[in-house]
Amino acid sequence: MDRIVAPVSRRLTVYSRYGCHLCTDMLQALTHLQPELGFEIRVRDVDDDPELVARYGDRVPVLLAGDTELCCHFLDEDSVREYYRGS
């Protein structure tokens, strides 16, 4: 039987907020992983969308790959590497 594998997103989305030092730290840490793992980074300011404010509130930054939340507040490099392992 063939196993169906969900495609791995090559775009990571960081839900952030202007002036958030944790957001800046996560983005800087992600740029160091980019050459190794080959992903794009998309940044969404939660304050630009009331729906995002309601969803994330003060839980920023939040890092998502597609619909999969990888980490919140601080970059979890192991989670990111695990997500891309085997792709």
N, C-alpha and C. Protein backbone atom coordinates (compact mmCIF):
# COMPACT_ATOMS: atom_id res chain seq x y z
N MET A 1 0.84 -1.18 0.00
CA MET A 1 0.00 0.00 0.00
C MET A 1 0.89 1.24 0.00
N ASP A 2 0.58 2.19 -0.86
CA ASP A 2 1.33 3.44 -0.92
C ASP A 2 0.91 4.35 0.23
N ARG A 3 1.90 5.02 0.79
CA ARG A 3 1.62 5.97 1.86
C ARG A 3 1.49 7.36 1.24
N ILE A 4 0.45 8.06 1.59
CA ILE A 4 0.25 9.42 1.09
C ILE A 4 0.98 10.37 2.03
N VAL A 5 1.85 11.17 1.45
CA VAL A 5 2.64 12.11 2.23
C VAL A 5 2.22 13.52 1.85
N ALA A 6 1.90 14.32 2.86
CA ALA A 6 1.53 15.71 2.59
C ALA A 6 2.74 16.47 2.09
N PRO A 7 2.56 17.35 1.10
CA PRO A 7 3.69 18.11 0.60
C PRO A 7 4.23 19.05 1.67
N VAL A 8 5.53 19.19 1.69
CA VAL A 8 6.18 20.08 2.65
C VAL A 8 6.21 21.49 2.07
N SER A 9 5.71 22.43 2.85
CA SER A 9 5.70 23.83 2.40
C SER A 9 7.10 24.39 2.44
N ARG A 10 7.50 25.06 1.40
CA ARG A 10 8.80 25.71 1.36
C ARG A 10 8.66 27.17 1.76
N ARG A 11 7.52 27.53 2.31
CA ARG A 11 7.31 28.88 2.82
C ARG A 11 6.91 28.79 4.28
N LEU A 12 7.64 29.51 5.10
CA LEU A 12 7.29 29.63 6.51
C LEU A 12 6.68 31.00 6.71
N THR A 13 5.64 31.06 7.51
CA THR A 13 4.97 32.33 7.80
C THR A 13 5.19 32.68 9.26
N VAL A 14 5.65 33.89 9.48
CA VAL A 14 5.83 34.40 10.84
C VAL A 14 4.73 35.43 11.08
N TYR A 15 3.87 35.14 12.04
CA TYR A 15 2.87 36.11 12.46
C TYR A 15 3.52 36.95 13.55
N SER A 16 3.62 38.25 13.29
CA SER A 16 4.40 39.12 14.16
C SER A 16 3.66 40.42 14.42
N ARG A 17 4.36 41.31 15.09
CA ARG A 17 3.81 42.61 15.43
C ARG A 17 4.94 43.62 15.37
N TYR A 18 4.67 44.79 14.87
CA TYR A 18 5.67 45.86 14.79
C TYR A 18 6.18 46.18 16.20
N GLY A 19 7.48 46.31 16.33
CA GLY A 19 8.09 46.67 17.59
C GLY A 19 8.28 45.52 18.56
N CYS A 20 8.02 44.31 18.12
CA CYS A 20 8.15 43.12 18.97
C CYS A 20 9.58 42.59 18.87
N HIS A 21 10.32 42.66 19.97
CA HIS A 21 11.72 42.18 19.93
C HIS A 21 11.81 40.67 19.76
N LEU A 22 10.84 39.92 20.27
CA LEU A 22 10.84 38.48 20.05
C LEU A 22 10.65 38.14 18.58
N CYS A 23 9.83 38.94 17.90
CA CYS A 23 9.60 38.75 16.46
C CYS A 23 10.89 38.99 15.69
N THR A 24 11.58 40.06 16.03
CA THR A 24 12.85 40.37 15.38
C THR A 24 13.86 39.25 15.61
N ASP A 25 13.92 38.76 16.84
CA ASP A 25 14.85 37.67 17.16
C ASP A 25 14.54 36.41 16.36
N MET A 26 13.24 36.07 16.24
CA MET A 26 12.88 34.87 15.50
C MET A 26 13.23 35.02 14.01
N LEU A 27 12.96 36.18 13.45
CA LEU A 27 13.28 36.40 12.03
C LEU A 27 14.77 36.31 11.79
N GLN A 28 15.57 36.87 12.67
CA GLN A 28 17.02 36.79 12.51
C GLN A 28 17.50 35.34 12.60
N ALA A 29 16.96 34.58 13.53
CA ALA A 29 17.34 33.18 13.67
C ALA A 29 16.92 32.37 12.45
N LEU A 30 15.75 32.68 11.89
CA LEU A 30 15.29 31.97 10.70
C LEU A 30 16.20 32.21 9.50
N THR A 31 16.69 33.44 9.36
CA THR A 31 17.55 33.73 8.21
C THR A 31 18.83 32.91 8.26
N HIS A 32 19.26 32.50 9.45
CA HIS A 32 20.45 31.64 9.57
C HIS A 32 20.16 30.21 9.13
N LEU A 33 18.90 29.79 9.23
CA LEU A 33 18.51 28.44 8.82
C LEU A 33 18.16 28.35 7.33
N GLN A 34 17.87 29.48 6.71
CA GLN A 34 17.43 29.48 5.31
C GLN A 34 18.38 28.76 4.37
N PRO A 35 19.69 29.04 4.39
CA PRO A 35 20.58 28.36 3.44
C PRO A 35 20.58 26.84 3.61
N GLU A 36 20.48 26.39 4.85
CA GLU A 36 20.50 24.96 5.14
C GLU A 36 19.22 24.26 4.70
N LEU A 37 18.06 24.90 4.94
CA LEU A 37 16.78 24.22 4.73
C LEU A 37 16.01 24.70 3.50
N GLY A 38 16.40 25.83 2.93
CA GLY A 38 15.83 26.29 1.67
C GLY A 38 14.37 26.67 1.70
N PHE A 39 13.97 27.52 2.62
CA PHE A 39 12.59 27.98 2.69
C PHE A 39 12.51 29.49 2.48
N GLU A 40 11.32 29.95 2.13
CA GLU A 40 11.03 31.39 2.05
C GLU A 40 10.42 31.80 3.38
N ILE A 41 10.56 33.07 3.72
CA ILE A 41 9.93 33.59 4.92
C ILE A 41 8.92 34.64 4.52
N ARG A 42 7.71 34.48 4.99
CA ARG A 42 6.65 35.46 4.78
C ARG A 42 6.30 36.02 6.16
N VAL A 43 6.21 37.33 6.26
CA VAL A 43 5.89 37.97 7.54
C VAL A 43 4.52 38.60 7.44
N ARG A 44 3.66 38.28 8.40
CA ARG A 44 2.32 38.89 8.47
C ARG A 44 2.20 39.64 9.78
N ASP A 45 1.86 40.91 9.72
CA ASP A 45 1.64 41.71 10.92
C ASP A 45 0.23 41.45 11.40
N VAL A 46 0.10 40.88 12.58
CA VAL A 46 -1.23 40.53 13.09
C VAL A 46 -2.11 41.75 13.27
N ASP A 47 -1.50 42.91 13.52
CA ASP A 47 -2.29 44.12 13.75
C ASP A 47 -2.93 44.67 12.48
N ASP A 48 -2.58 44.11 11.31
CA ASP A 48 -3.19 44.52 10.04
C ASP A 48 -4.54 43.86 9.80
N ASP A 49 -4.91 42.89 10.64
CA ASP A 49 -6.12 42.11 10.40
C ASP A 49 -6.78 41.77 11.74
N PRO A 50 -7.98 42.28 12.00
CA PRO A 50 -8.65 42.00 13.27
C PRO A 50 -8.81 40.50 13.56
N GLU A 51 -8.98 39.70 12.52
CA GLU A 51 -9.09 38.26 12.69
C GLU A 51 -7.80 37.66 13.24
N LEU A 52 -6.66 38.17 12.74
CA LEU A 52 -5.37 37.69 13.23
C LEU A 52 -5.12 38.15 14.66
N VAL A 53 -5.54 39.36 14.99
CA VAL A 53 -5.42 39.85 16.37
C VAL A 53 -6.21 38.94 17.30
N ALA A 54 -7.42 38.59 16.89
CA ALA A 54 -8.25 37.71 17.71
C ALA A 54 -7.63 36.32 17.85
N ARG A 55 -7.03 35.82 16.78
CA ARG A 55 -6.47 34.47 16.79
C ARG A 55 -5.17 34.40 17.60
N TYR A 56 -4.28 35.39 17.41
CA TYR A 56 -2.95 35.30 18.02
C TYR A 56 -2.75 36.22 19.22
N GLY A 57 -3.47 37.33 19.29
CA GLY A 57 -3.34 38.23 20.43
C GLY A 57 -1.89 38.54 20.75
N ASP A 58 -1.47 38.21 21.96
CA ASP A 58 -0.09 38.42 22.38
C ASP A 58 0.80 37.21 22.13
N ARG A 59 0.29 36.19 21.48
CA ARG A 59 1.08 34.98 21.18
C ARG A 59 1.93 35.19 19.94
N VAL A 60 2.70 36.23 19.90
CA VAL A 60 3.58 36.47 18.75
C VAL A 60 5.01 36.50 19.23
N PRO A 61 5.93 36.11 18.39
CA PRO A 61 5.71 35.59 17.05
C PRO A 61 5.22 34.14 17.08
N VAL A 62 4.51 33.78 16.03
CA VAL A 62 4.08 32.41 15.81
C VAL A 62 4.60 32.01 14.44
N LEU A 63 5.23 30.84 14.36
CA LEU A 63 5.80 30.35 13.11
C LEU A 63 4.97 29.20 12.59
N LEU A 64 4.49 29.34 11.34
CA LEU A 64 3.70 28.30 10.71
C LEU A 64 4.34 27.86 9.40
N ALA A 65 4.18 26.58 9.12
CA ALA A 65 4.52 26.00 7.81
C ALA A 65 3.19 25.49 7.27
N GLY A 66 2.65 26.21 6.30
CA GLY A 66 1.29 25.88 5.86
C GLY A 66 0.35 26.10 7.03
N ASP A 67 -0.39 25.05 7.42
CA ASP A 67 -1.30 25.14 8.56
C ASP A 67 -0.70 24.57 9.84
N THR A 68 0.55 24.16 9.77
CA THR A 68 1.21 23.53 10.91
C THR A 68 1.97 24.55 11.74
N GLU A 69 1.57 24.72 12.99
CA GLU A 69 2.30 25.62 13.88
C GLU A 69 3.56 24.91 14.36
N LEU A 70 4.71 25.54 14.11
CA LEU A 70 5.99 24.96 14.50
C LEU A 70 6.46 25.44 15.86
N CYS A 71 6.21 26.71 16.17
CA CYS A 71 6.63 27.24 17.46
C CYS A 71 6.01 28.61 17.68
N CYS A 72 6.17 29.08 18.91
CA CYS A 72 5.60 30.36 19.32
C CYS A 72 6.58 31.03 20.29
N HIS A 73 6.69 32.33 20.20
CA HIS A 73 7.55 33.17 21.04
C HIS A 73 9.04 33.05 20.71
N PHE A 74 9.57 31.84 20.66
CA PHE A 74 10.99 31.62 20.39
C PHE A 74 11.13 30.57 19.30
N LEU A 75 12.14 30.73 18.45
CA LEU A 75 12.36 29.75 17.38
C LEU A 75 12.78 28.42 17.99
N ASP A 76 12.09 27.37 17.61
CA ASP A 76 12.44 26.01 17.99
C ASP A 76 13.08 25.37 16.75
N GLU A 77 14.41 25.47 16.67
CA GLU A 77 15.12 24.96 15.49
C GLU A 77 14.86 23.48 15.28
N ASP A 78 14.75 22.72 16.36
CA ASP A 78 14.49 21.28 16.22
C ASP A 78 13.15 21.02 15.54
N SER A 79 12.13 21.81 15.87
CA SER A 79 10.82 21.65 15.23
C SER A 79 10.89 21.97 13.74
N VAL A 80 11.63 23.01 13.40
CA VAL A 80 11.76 23.39 11.98
C VAL A 80 12.52 22.31 11.23
N ARG A 81 13.62 21.84 11.80
CA ARG A 81 14.40 20.77 11.14
C ARG A 81 13.57 19.49 11.02
N GLU A 82 12.82 19.15 12.06
CA GLU A 82 11.97 17.97 12.03
C GLU A 82 10.92 18.08 10.91
N TYR A 83 10.36 19.27 10.76
CA TYR A 83 9.37 19.50 9.71
C TYR A 83 9.97 19.22 8.33
N TYR A 84 11.21 19.65 8.13
CA TYR A 84 11.85 19.49 6.82
C TYR A 84 12.61 18.18 6.66
N ARG A 85 12.75 17.41 7.72
CA ARG A 85 13.47 16.14 7.65
C ARG A 85 12.82 15.22 6.61
N GLY A 86 13.65 14.71 5.73
CA GLY A 86 13.16 13.75 4.76
C GLY A 86 12.48 14.35 3.54
N SER A 87 12.44 15.69 3.44
CA SER A 87 11.77 16.28 2.28
C SER A 87 12.73 16.48 1.14
